[in-house]
C-alpha atoms as a PDB file:
ATOM      1  CA  MET A   1      10.755   7.693 -12.173  1.00  0.00           C
ATOM      2  CA  ASP A   2       8.034   6.223  -9.360  1.00  0.00           C
ATOM      3  CA  ILE A   3       4.497   7.638  -9.161  1.00  0.00           C
ATOM      4  CA  ASN A   4       3.892   9.098  -5.533  1.00  0.00           C
ATOM      5  CA  PHE A   5       0.253   8.008  -5.525  1.00  0.00           C
ATOM      6  CA  PRO A   6      -0.570   8.809  -1.929  1.00  0.00           C
ATOM      7  CA  LEU A   7       0.722  12.555  -2.751  1.00  0.00           C
ATOM      8  CA  ILE A   8      -1.461  12.662  -5.810  1.00  0.00           C
ATOM      9  CA  LEU A   9      -4.517  11.292  -3.847  1.00  0.00           C
ATOM     10  CA  VAL A  10      -3.851  13.894  -1.076  1.00  0.00           C
ATOM     11  CA  LEU A  11      -3.510  16.737  -3.387  1.00  0.00           C
ATOM     12  CA  LEU A  12      -6.753  15.443  -5.117  1.00  0.00           C
ATOM     13  CA  VAL A  13      -8.405  15.469  -1.899  1.00  0.00           C
ATOM     14  CA  PHE A  14      -7.093  18.652  -1.003  1.00  0.00           C
ATOM     15  CA  VAL A  15      -8.284  20.449  -4.461  1.00  0.00           C
ATOM     16  CA  SER A  16     -11.592  19.219  -4.829  1.00  0.00           C
ATOM     17  CA  GLY A  17     -12.494  19.665  -1.066  1.00  0.00           C
ATOM     18  CA  PHE A  18     -11.691  23.148  -1.303  1.00  0.00           C
ATOM     19  CA  ILE A  19     -13.163  24.058  -4.624  1.00  0.00           C
ATOM     20  CA  TRP A  20     -16.416  22.208  -2.475  1.00  0.00           C
ATOM     21  CA  LEU A  21     -15.841  24.758   0.340  1.00  0.00           C
ATOM     22  CA  PHE A  22     -15.585  28.082  -1.850  1.00  0.00           C
ATOM     23  CA  ASP A  23     -18.398  26.893  -3.422  1.00  0.00           C
ATOM     24  CA  ALA A  24     -20.406  26.718  -0.100  1.00  0.00           C
ATOM     25  CA  LEU A  25     -19.112  29.773   1.362  1.00  0.00           C
ATOM     26  CA  PHE A  26     -19.291  32.171  -1.623  1.00  0.00           C
ATOM     27  CA  LEU A  27     -20.581  30.938  -4.964  1.00  0.00           C
ATOM     28  CA  ALA A  28     -23.592  29.077  -3.786  1.00  0.00           C
ATOM     29  CA  ALA A  29     -24.947  32.446  -2.275  1.00  0.00           C
ATOM     30  CA  ARG A  30     -24.497  33.768  -5.520  1.00  0.00           C
ATOM     31  CA  ARG A  31     -26.606  31.152  -7.177  1.00  0.00           C
ATOM     32  CA  LYS A  32     -29.434  31.516  -4.237  1.00  0.00           C
ATOM     33  CA  ALA A  33     -29.566  35.255  -5.195  1.00  0.00           C
ATOM     34  CA  ALA A  34     -29.988  34.871  -9.127  1.00  0.00           C
ATOM     35  CA  ILE A  35     -32.665  32.187  -8.480  1.00  0.00           C
ATOM     36  CA  ALA A  36     -34.487  34.844  -5.960  1.00  0.00           C
ATOM     37  CA  ALA A  37     -34.159  37.286  -8.888  1.00  0.00           C
ATOM     38  CA  VAL A  38     -35.665  35.134 -11.565  1.00  0.00           C
ATOM     39  CA  ASP A  39     -38.867  34.546  -8.883  1.00  0.00           C
ATOM     40  CA  THR A  40     -39.017  38.166  -8.595  1.00  0.00           C
ATOM     41  CA  GLN A  41     -38.826  38.764 -12.154  1.00  0.00           C
ATOM     42  CA  PHE A  42     -41.722  36.133 -12.966  1.00  0.00           C
ATOM     43  CA  ALA A  43     -43.577  36.846  -9.928  1.00  0.00           C
ATOM     44  CA  GLY A  44     -45.792  39.432 -11.234  1.00  0.00           C
ATOM     45  CA  LEU A  45     -46.248  37.618 -14.867  1.00  0.00           C
ATOM     46  CA  GLU A  46     -48.531  34.963 -15.880  1.00  0.00           C
ATOM     47  CA  VAL A  47     -46.910  31.519 -16.292  1.00  0.00           C
ATOM     48  CA  ASP A  48     -49.820  29.763 -17.270  1.00  0.00           C
ATOM     49  CA  SER A  49     -48.856  29.133 -20.599  1.00  0.00           C
ATOM     50  CA  GLU A  50     -46.432  26.429 -22.049  1.00  0.00           C
ATOM     51  CA  ASN A  51     -43.949  28.864 -23.524  1.00  0.00           C
ATOM     52  CA  GLN A  52     -43.921  31.196 -20.338  1.00  0.00           C
ATOM     53  CA  GLN A  53     -43.393  28.003 -18.126  1.00  0.00           C
ATOM     54  CA  ASP A  54     -40.602  27.012 -20.205  1.00  0.00           C
ATOM     55  CA  ALA A  55     -39.010  30.447 -20.386  1.00  0.00           C
ATOM     56  CA  TYR A  56     -39.296  30.395 -16.349  1.00  0.00           C
ATOM     57  CA  LEU A  57     -37.783  26.832 -15.783  1.00  0.00           C
ATOM     58  CA  GLN A  58     -35.272  27.667 -18.254  1.00  0.00           C
ATOM     59  CA  ALA A  59     -34.098  30.925 -16.204  1.00  0.00           C
ATOM     60  CA  LYS A  60     -34.117  29.287 -13.031  1.00  0.00           C
ATOM     61  CA  THR A  61     -32.117  26.252 -14.406  1.00  0.00           C
ATOM     62  CA  GLN A  62     -29.486  28.906 -15.536  1.00  0.00           C
ATOM     63  CA  ALA A  63     -29.535  30.530 -12.122  1.00  0.00           C
ATOM     64  CA  ALA A  64     -28.834  27.493 -10.464  1.00  0.00           C
ATOM     65  CA  LYS A  65     -26.440  26.163 -12.763  1.00  0.00           C
ATOM     66  CA  GLU A  66     -23.106  25.063 -10.895  1.00  0.00           C
ATOM     67  CA  PRO A  67     -19.504  25.671 -12.604  1.00  0.00           C
ATOM     68  CA  LEU A  68     -18.287  22.722 -13.775  1.00  0.00           C
ATOM     69  CA  ALA A  69     -15.237  22.597 -11.512  1.00  0.00           C
ATOM     70  CA  VAL A  70     -17.588  22.668  -8.875  1.00  0.00           C
ATOM     71  CA  GLU A  71     -20.148  20.043 -10.142  1.00  0.00           C
ATOM     72  CA  TYR A  72     -17.186  17.681 -10.697  1.00  0.00           C
ATOM     73  CA  SER A  73     -15.582  18.255  -6.929  1.00  0.00           C
ATOM     74  CA  LYS A  74     -18.901  17.811  -5.189  1.00  0.00           C
ATOM     75  CA  SER A  75     -18.826  14.197  -7.527  1.00  0.00           C
ATOM     76  CA  PHE A  76     -15.443  13.148  -6.595  1.00  0.00           C
ATOM     77  CA  PHE A  77     -14.835  14.492  -3.443  1.00  0.00           C
ATOM     78  CA  PRO A  78     -16.462  12.087  -1.134  1.00  0.00           C
ATOM     79  CA  VAL A  79     -15.348   9.223  -3.534  1.00  0.00           C
ATOM     80  CA  LEU A  80     -11.625  10.693  -2.852  1.00  0.00           C
ATOM     81  CA  PHE A  81     -11.748  10.991   0.849  1.00  0.00           C
ATOM     82  CA  VAL A  82     -13.080   7.606   1.609  1.00  0.00           C
ATOM     83  CA  VAL A  83     -10.089   5.952  -0.533  1.00  0.00           C
ATOM     84  CA  LEU A  84      -7.760   8.383   1.183  1.00  0.00           C
ATOM     85  CA  VAL A  85      -8.853   7.186   4.674  1.00  0.00           C
ATOM     86  CA  LEU A  86      -9.148   3.226   3.814  1.00  0.00           C
ATOM     87  CA  ARG A  87      -5.546   3.453   1.929  1.00  0.00           C
ATOM     88  CA  SER A  88      -3.989   5.549   4.395  1.00  0.00           C
ATOM     89  CA  PHE A  89      -5.179   4.162   7.822  1.00  0.00           C
ATOM     90  CA  LEU A  90      -6.796   0.758   7.097  1.00  0.00           C
ATOM     91  CA  VAL A  91      -5.695  -1.166   4.528  1.00  0.00           C
ATOM     92  CA  GLU A  92      -3.989  -0.808   1.042  1.00  0.00           C
ATOM     93  CA  PRO A  93      -3.324  -3.163  -1.895  1.00  0.00           C
ATOM     94  CA  PHE A  94      -0.556  -3.639  -3.502  1.00  0.00           C
ATOM     95  CA  GLN A  95       0.921  -6.010  -6.355  1.00  0.00           C
ATOM     96  CA  ILE A  96       3.989  -8.078  -6.102  1.00  0.00           C
ATOM     97  CA  PRO A  97       6.371  -7.034  -9.025  1.00  0.00           C
ATOM     98  CA  SER A  98       9.171  -9.702  -8.257  1.00  0.00           C
ATOM     99  CA  GLY A  99      10.044 -13.055  -7.167  1.00  0.00           C
ATOM    100  CA  SER A 100      11.893 -12.224  -4.144  1.00  0.00           C
ATOM    101  CA  MET A 101       9.320 -13.697  -1.815  1.00  0.00           C
ATOM    102  CA  VAL A 102       8.955 -16.735  -3.721  1.00  0.00           C
ATOM    103  CA  PRO A 103       7.564 -19.600  -2.409  1.00  0.00           C
ATOM    104  CA  THR A 104       5.335 -17.087  -0.302  1.00  0.00           C
ATOM    105  CA  LEU A 105       4.395 -14.370  -2.622  1.00  0.00           C
ATOM    106  CA  GLU A 106       4.622 -14.848  -6.444  1.00  0.00           C
ATOM    107  CA  ILE A 107       5.058 -12.626  -9.055  1.00  0.00           C
ATOM    108  CA  GLY A 108       1.278 -11.096  -9.701  1.00  0.00           C
ATOM    109  CA  ASP A 109       0.022 -11.585  -6.359  1.00  0.00           C
ATOM    110  CA  PHE A 110      -2.243  -8.931  -5.267  1.00  0.00           C
ATOM    111  CA  ILE A 111      -1.943  -8.202  -1.514  1.00  0.00           C
ATOM    112  CA  LEU A 112      -3.473  -6.652   1.346  1.00  0.00           C
ATOM    113  CA  VAL A 113      -1.296  -4.494   3.510  1.00  0.00           C
ATOM    114  CA  ASN A 114      -2.684  -3.300   6.955  1.00  0.00           C
ATOM    115  CA  LYS A 115      -1.653   0.345   7.802  1.00  0.00           C
ATOM    116  CA  TYR A 116      -2.500   0.343  11.481  1.00  0.00           C
ATOM    117  CA  THR A 117      -1.029  -2.679  12.836  1.00  0.00           C
ATOM    118  CA  TYR A 118       2.350  -0.852  13.449  1.00  0.00           C
ATOM    119  CA  GLY A 119       0.892   2.478  14.259  1.00  0.00           C
ATOM    120  CA  VAL A 120      -1.487   5.109  12.696  1.00  0.00           C
ATOM    121  CA  ARG A 121       0.810   7.312  10.243  1.00  0.00           C
ATOM    122  CA  LEU A 122       0.061  10.707   8.475  1.00  0.00           C
ATOM    123  CA  PRO A 123      -0.065   9.885   4.589  1.00  0.00           C
ATOM    124  CA  VAL A 124       2.909  11.175   2.405  1.00  0.00           C
ATOM    125  CA  VAL A 125       4.814  12.417   5.338  1.00  0.00           C
ATOM    126  CA  ARG A 126       4.637   9.046   6.993  1.00  0.00           C
ATOM    127  CA  ASN A 127       4.763  10.433  10.537  1.00  0.00           C
ATOM    128  CA  LYS A 128       3.339   7.974  13.490  1.00  0.00           C
ATOM    129  CA  ILE A 129       0.608   9.611  15.118  1.00  0.00           C
ATOM    130  CA  ILE A 130      -0.624   6.956  17.085  1.00  0.00           C
ATOM    131  CA  PRO A 131       1.864   3.738  18.360  1.00  0.00           C
ATOM    132  CA  VAL A 132      -0.125   0.666  18.505  1.00  0.00           C
ATOM    133  CA  ASN A 133       2.546  -2.719  17.823  1.00  0.00           C
ATOM    134  CA  ASP A 134       6.058  -3.100  16.972  1.00  0.00           C
ATOM    135  CA  PRO A 135       6.957  -5.490  14.043  1.00  0.00           C
ATOM    136  CA  LYS A 136       7.611  -8.911  15.335  1.00  0.00           C
ATOM    137  CA  ARG A 137      10.080 -11.381  13.562  1.00  0.00           C
ATOM    138  CA  GLY A 138       8.500 -13.535  10.996  1.00  0.00           C
ATOM    139  CA  ASP A 139       6.136 -10.658   9.886  1.00  0.00           C
ATOM    140  CA  VAL A 140       5.806  -9.893   6.434  1.00  0.00           C
ATOM    141  CA  MET A 141       6.151  -6.307   6.105  1.00  0.00           C
ATOM    142  CA  VAL A 142       6.061  -3.494   3.533  1.00  0.00           C
ATOM    143  CA  PHE A 143       8.497  -0.729   3.850  1.00  0.00           C
ATOM    144  CA  PHE A 144      10.368   1.782   2.078  1.00  0.00           C
ATOM    145  CA  PRO A 145      14.146   0.784   2.018  1.00  0.00           C
ATOM    146  CA  PRO A 146      17.152   3.013   2.791  1.00  0.00           C
ATOM    147  CA  HIS A 147      18.861   3.130  -0.813  1.00  0.00           C
ATOM    148  CA  ARG A 148      14.998   3.754  -2.424  1.00  0.00           C
ATOM    149  CA  PRO A 149      13.236   6.031  -0.220  1.00  0.00           C
ATOM    150  CA  ASP A 150      10.314   6.277  -2.599  1.00  0.00           C
ATOM    151  CA  THR A 151       9.594   2.604  -3.447  1.00  0.00           C
ATOM    152  CA  TYR A 152       7.754   0.060  -1.932  1.00  0.00           C
ATOM    153  CA  PHE A 153       9.492  -3.105  -0.986  1.00  0.00           C
ATOM    154  CA  ILE A 154       8.152  -6.027   0.546  1.00  0.00           C
ATOM    155  CA  LYS A 155      10.249  -8.591   2.711  1.00  0.00           C
ATOM    156  CA  ARG A 156      10.189 -10.412   6.002  1.00  0.00           C
ATOM    157  CA  VAL A 157      11.071  -9.308   9.129  1.00  0.00           C
ATOM    158  CA  VAL A 158      14.440 -11.377  10.675  1.00  0.00           C
ATOM    159  CA  GLY A 159      15.770  -9.357  12.998  1.00  0.00           C
ATOM    160  CA  LEU A 160      14.703  -7.016  15.487  1.00  0.00           C
ATOM    161  CA  PRO A 161      16.253  -4.141  17.592  1.00  0.00           C
ATOM    162  CA  GLY A 162      19.446  -4.921  19.113  1.00  0.00           C
ATOM    163  CA  ASP A 163      19.536  -8.704  17.417  1.00  0.00           C
ATOM    164  CA  GLU A 164      23.207 -10.033  16.519  1.00  0.00           C
ATOM    165  CA  ILE A 165      22.266 -11.456  12.520  1.00  0.00           C
ATOM    166  CA  LEU A 166      24.958 -14.124  10.897  1.00  0.00           C
ATOM    167  CA  TYR A 167      24.266 -15.657   7.686  1.00  0.00           C
ATOM    168  CA  ILE A 168      26.321 -18.444   6.465  1.00  0.00           C
ATOM    169  CA  ASN A 169      25.911 -20.705   3.527  1.00  0.00           C
ATOM    170  CA  ASN A 170      21.849 -19.956   3.394  1.00  0.00           C
ATOM    171  CA  VAL A 171      21.799 -20.722   7.647  1.00  0.00           C
ATOM    172  CA  LEU A 172      20.072 -18.043   9.415  1.00  0.00           C
ATOM    173  CA  TYR A 173      21.821 -17.470  13.080  1.00  0.00           C
ATOM    174  CA  ILE A 174      20.012 -14.925  15.498  1.00  0.00           C
ATOM    175  CA  ASN A 175      21.976 -13.757  18.518  1.00  0.00           C
ATOM    176  CA  GLY A 176      24.095 -17.334  18.306  1.00  0.00           C
ATOM    177  CA  GLU A 177      21.167 -19.185  17.577  1.00  0.00           C
ATOM    178  CA  LYS A 178      20.466 -21.332  14.534  1.00  0.00           C
ATOM    179  CA  GLN A 179      17.482 -21.083  13.183  1.00  0.00           C
ATOM    180  CA  PRO A 180      15.766 -24.620  12.127  1.00  0.00           C
ATOM    181  CA  GLN A 181      15.653 -25.315   8.390  1.00  0.00           C
ATOM    182  CA  THR A 182      13.513 -28.544   7.137  1.00  0.00           C
ATOM    183  CA  LEU A 183      14.091 -29.911   3.854  1.00  0.00           C
ATOM    184  CA  LEU A 184      10.433 -29.823   1.584  1.00  0.00           C
ATOM    185  CA  ALA A 185      11.961 -30.741  -1.762  1.00  0.00           C
ATOM    186  CA  SER A 186      14.660 -30.344  -4.158  1.00  0.00           C
ATOM    187  CA  LEU A 187      13.947 -28.951  -7.625  1.00  0.00           C
ATOM    188  CA  PRO A 188      13.947 -29.740 -10.265  1.00  0.00           C
ATOM    189  CA  PRO A 189      13.998 -33.611  -9.902  1.00  0.00           C
ATOM    190  CA  GLY A 190      16.872 -35.409 -11.049  1.00  0.00           C
ATOM    191  CA  ASN A 191      19.617 -32.135 -11.301  1.00  0.00           C
ATOM    192  CA  PRO A 192      18.331 -30.118  -8.451  1.00  0.00           C
ATOM    193  CA  GLN A 193      19.195 -26.452  -8.391  1.00  0.00           C
ATOM    194  CA  PHE A 194      17.419 -24.824  -5.578  1.00  0.00           C
ATOM    195  CA  GLN A 195      15.424 -26.541  -2.262  1.00  0.00           C
ATOM    196  CA  LEU A 196      12.279 -25.691  -0.765  1.00  0.00           C
ATOM    197  CA  MET A 197      12.584 -25.168   3.094  1.00  0.00           C
ATOM    198  CA  LYS A 198      10.566 -24.810   6.057  1.00  0.00           C
ATOM    199  CA  GLU A 199      12.019 -22.297   8.051  1.00  0.00           C
ATOM    200  CA  THR A 200      11.203 -21.562  11.836  1.00  0.00           C
ATOM    201  CA  LEU A 201      12.136 -18.131  13.139  1.00  0.00           C
ATOM    202  CA  ALA A 202      11.726 -18.144  16.819  1.00  0.00           C
ATOM    203  CA  GLY A 203       8.964 -20.543  16.754  1.00  0.00           C
ATOM    204  CA  VAL A 204       7.056 -18.980  13.568  1.00  0.00           C
ATOM    205  CA  GLU A 205       7.514 -21.290  10.340  1.00  0.00           C
ATOM    206  CA  HIS A 206       7.300 -19.999   6.977  1.00  0.00           C
ATOM    207  CA  ASP A 207       8.779 -21.579   3.571  1.00  0.00           C
ATOM    208  CA  MET A 208      11.672 -20.143   1.749  1.00  0.00           C
ATOM    209  CA  ARG A 209      13.883 -21.356  -1.083  1.00  0.00           C
ATOM    210  CA  LYS A 210      17.472 -21.170  -1.417  1.00  0.00           C
ATOM    211  CA  HIS A 211      20.001 -22.422  -4.203  1.00  0.00           C
ATOM    212  CA  VAL A 212      22.038 -25.965  -3.630  1.00  0.00           C
ATOM    213  CA  VAL A 213      25.065 -23.185  -4.387  1.00  0.00           C
ATOM    214  CA  PRO A 214      24.590 -20.369  -2.231  1.00  0.00           C
ATOM    215  CA  GLY A 215      24.358 -16.934  -4.061  1.00  0.00           C
ATOM    216  CA  ARG A 216      26.654 -13.856  -3.280  1.00  0.00           C
ATOM    217  CA  LEU A 217      24.370 -12.225  -0.274  1.00  0.00           C
ATOM    218  CA  SER A 218      24.027 -15.841   0.985  1.00  0.00           C
ATOM    219  CA  ARG A 219      27.769 -17.325   1.945  1.00  0.00           C
ATOM    220  CA  GLU A 220      28.828 -15.300   4.811  1.00  0.00           C
ATOM    221  CA  GLY A 221      27.641 -12.065   6.518  1.00  0.00           C
ATOM    222  CA  SER A 222      26.890 -10.689  10.295  1.00  0.00           C
ATOM    223  CA  TRP A 223      25.177  -7.509  11.139  1.00  0.00           C
ATOM    224  CA  VAL A 224      24.072  -5.848  14.332  1.00  0.00           C
ATOM    225  CA  VAL A 225      20.745  -4.367  13.950  1.00  0.00           C
ATOM    226  CA  PRO A 226      20.567  -0.624  15.525  1.00  0.00           C
ATOM    227  CA  GLU A 227      17.776   0.401  17.856  1.00  0.00           C
ATOM    228  CA  GLY A 228      14.783   1.661  15.744  1.00  0.00           C
ATOM    229  CA  HIS A 229      15.302  -0.583  12.933  1.00  0.00           C
ATOM    230  CA  TYR A 230      14.669  -3.925  11.337  1.00  0.00           C
ATOM    231  CA  PHE A 231      16.726  -6.274   9.510  1.00  0.00           C
ATOM    232  CA  MET A 232      14.702  -7.609   6.292  1.00  0.00           C
ATOM    233  CA  MET A 233      15.301 -10.619   4.222  1.00  0.00           C
ATOM    234  CA  GLY A 234      13.444 -12.013   1.179  1.00  0.00           C
ATOM    235  CA  ASP A 235      12.250 -15.832   1.367  1.00  0.00           C
ATOM    236  CA  ASN A 236      13.588 -16.131  -1.920  1.00  0.00           C
ATOM    237  CA  ARG A 237      17.212 -15.954  -0.448  1.00  0.00           C
ATOM    238  CA  ASP A 238      19.546 -16.294  -3.628  1.00  0.00           C
ATOM    239  CA  ASN A 239      17.233 -14.091  -5.354  1.00  0.00           C
ATOM    240  CA  SER A 240      16.252 -10.971  -2.841  1.00  0.00           C
ATOM    241  CA  SER A 241      18.053  -7.830  -2.594  1.00  0.00           C
ATOM    242  CA  ASP A 242      17.483  -7.101   0.960  1.00  0.00           C
ATOM    243  CA  SER A 243      18.911  -5.854   4.138  1.00  0.00           C
ATOM    244  CA  ARG A 244      22.260  -8.163   3.564  1.00  0.00           C
ATOM    245  CA  GLU A 245      23.054  -5.485   0.909  1.00  0.00           C
ATOM    246  CA  TRP A 246      21.497  -2.075   1.676  1.00  0.00           C
ATOM    247  CA  GLY A 247      21.141  -2.284   5.563  1.00  0.00           C
ATOM    248  CA  PRO A 248      18.366  -2.276   8.185  1.00  0.00           C
ATOM    249  CA  VAL A 249      15.236  -0.308   7.758  1.00  0.00           C
ATOM    250  CA  PRO A 250      14.495   2.554   9.729  1.00  0.00           C
ATOM    251  CA  GLU A 251      11.367   2.074  11.949  1.00  0.00           C
ATOM    252  CA  GLU A 252       9.933   5.661  10.212  1.00  0.00           C
ATOM    253  CA  ALA A 253      10.291   3.650   6.558  1.00  0.00           C
ATOM    254  CA  ILE A 254       7.353   1.013   7.867  1.00  0.00           C
ATOM    255  CA  VAL A 255       4.124   1.333   5.924  1.00  0.00           C
ATOM    256  CA  GLY A 256       2.491  -2.004   7.292  1.00  0.00           C
ATOM    257  CA  LYS A 257       1.857  -5.663   7.620  1.00  0.00           C
ATOM    258  CA  ALA A 258       1.117  -7.764   4.526  1.00  0.00           C
ATOM    259  CA  PHE A 259      -1.608 -10.256   5.846  1.00  0.00           C
ATOM    260  CA  ALA A 260      -3.328 -11.756   3.010  1.00  0.00           C
ATOM    261  CA  VAL A 261      -3.404 -12.378  -0.885  1.00  0.00           C
ATOM    262  CA  TRP A 262      -6.802 -11.867  -2.656  1.00  0.00           C
ATOM    263  CA  MET A 263      -6.099 -12.119  -6.102  1.00  0.00           C
ATOM    264  CA  HIS A 264      -3.408 -13.516  -8.663  1.00  0.00           C
ATOM    265  CA  TRP A 265      -2.854 -11.782 -12.212  1.00  0.00           C
ATOM    266  CA  ASP A 266      -0.006 -12.757 -14.188  1.00  0.00           C
ATOM    267  CA  SER A 267      -0.333 -10.172 -17.323  1.00  0.00           C
ATOM    268  CA  PHE A 268      -2.922  -7.798 -18.794  1.00  0.00           C
ATOM    269  CA  PHE A 269      -3.857 -10.522 -21.230  1.00  0.00           C
ATOM    270  CA  SER A 270      -4.561 -13.218 -18.866  1.00  0.00           C
ATOM    271  CA  LEU A 271      -7.745 -13.800 -16.709  1.00  0.00           C
ATOM    272  CA  PRO A 272      -7.072 -13.246 -12.939  1.00  0.00           C
ATOM    273  CA  SER A 273      -7.109 -16.083 -10.493  1.00  0.00           C
ATOM    274  CA  PHE A 274      -8.132 -16.348  -6.896  1.00  0.00           C
ATOM    275  CA  SER A 275      -6.500 -20.221  -6.501  1.00  0.00           C
ATOM    276  CA  ARG A 276      -4.094 -18.127  -4.086  1.00  0.00           C
ATOM    277  CA  LEU A 277      -6.390 -16.271  -1.998  1.00  0.00           C
ATOM    278  CA  GLY A 278      -5.561 -16.660   1.473  1.00  0.00           C
ATOM    279  CA  PRO A 279      -3.826 -15.463   4.877  1.00  0.00           C
ATOM    280  CA  ILE A 280       0.406 -14.879   4.236  1.00  0.00           C
ATOM    281  CA  ARG A 281       2.719 -16.818   6.583  1.00  0.00           C
END
């Protein structure tokens, strides 16, 4: 089962903020009264001796002592709140778990996703509260697919609302227009199994990979993208579960636009690398 981190973060912020507020409205007044009582108690006494001073300070410290939950809440709430705002409305980091976007993104890439470019959304419920831009053809987008509404996926926007998509033997047609492909390399040399290509989507170039022999989802298919939906495909065309299999993605399932790779880390036992740092195209 996938962990719903946004929900956990919202709950942590709410609980820690509530405890801090409850303390400010009710418990803090009791501590102030207790401190005042200590001051009154020692007001008529001489606290010149070291023992008397220690007793006074200990009593005052005990009266001012915050409950452990309040202490933790005051420490963690500001940090949690800043993290919530950043990842909900500005930028959120993700790690690439599969090879469906090779050669653009590799397994182990850590990417940054712009959370506001397609509109500002509330965390957890995902309702758009401020419209900004619509996805463009060629964008690399993070979203929740129809068949797994709680799992993050990342693919490239191929079809916009109203588009007619045709895919035959790894060649893409949009509204009857063939999208150009240029061969970059056939690999491995001598016995090629797949080809690295440069594909152009409405003037936007990106790298893609396809098998010499088209896979199940790449032989033939046609779709019409409904209004308010987007047709998504992986750049590793024969190794990608995408809209060819489970249909177009509704607008309300959009998370944000992937715009940069900031680190690559193959495994826990390897060293992180910054050799792939740069924008996503």
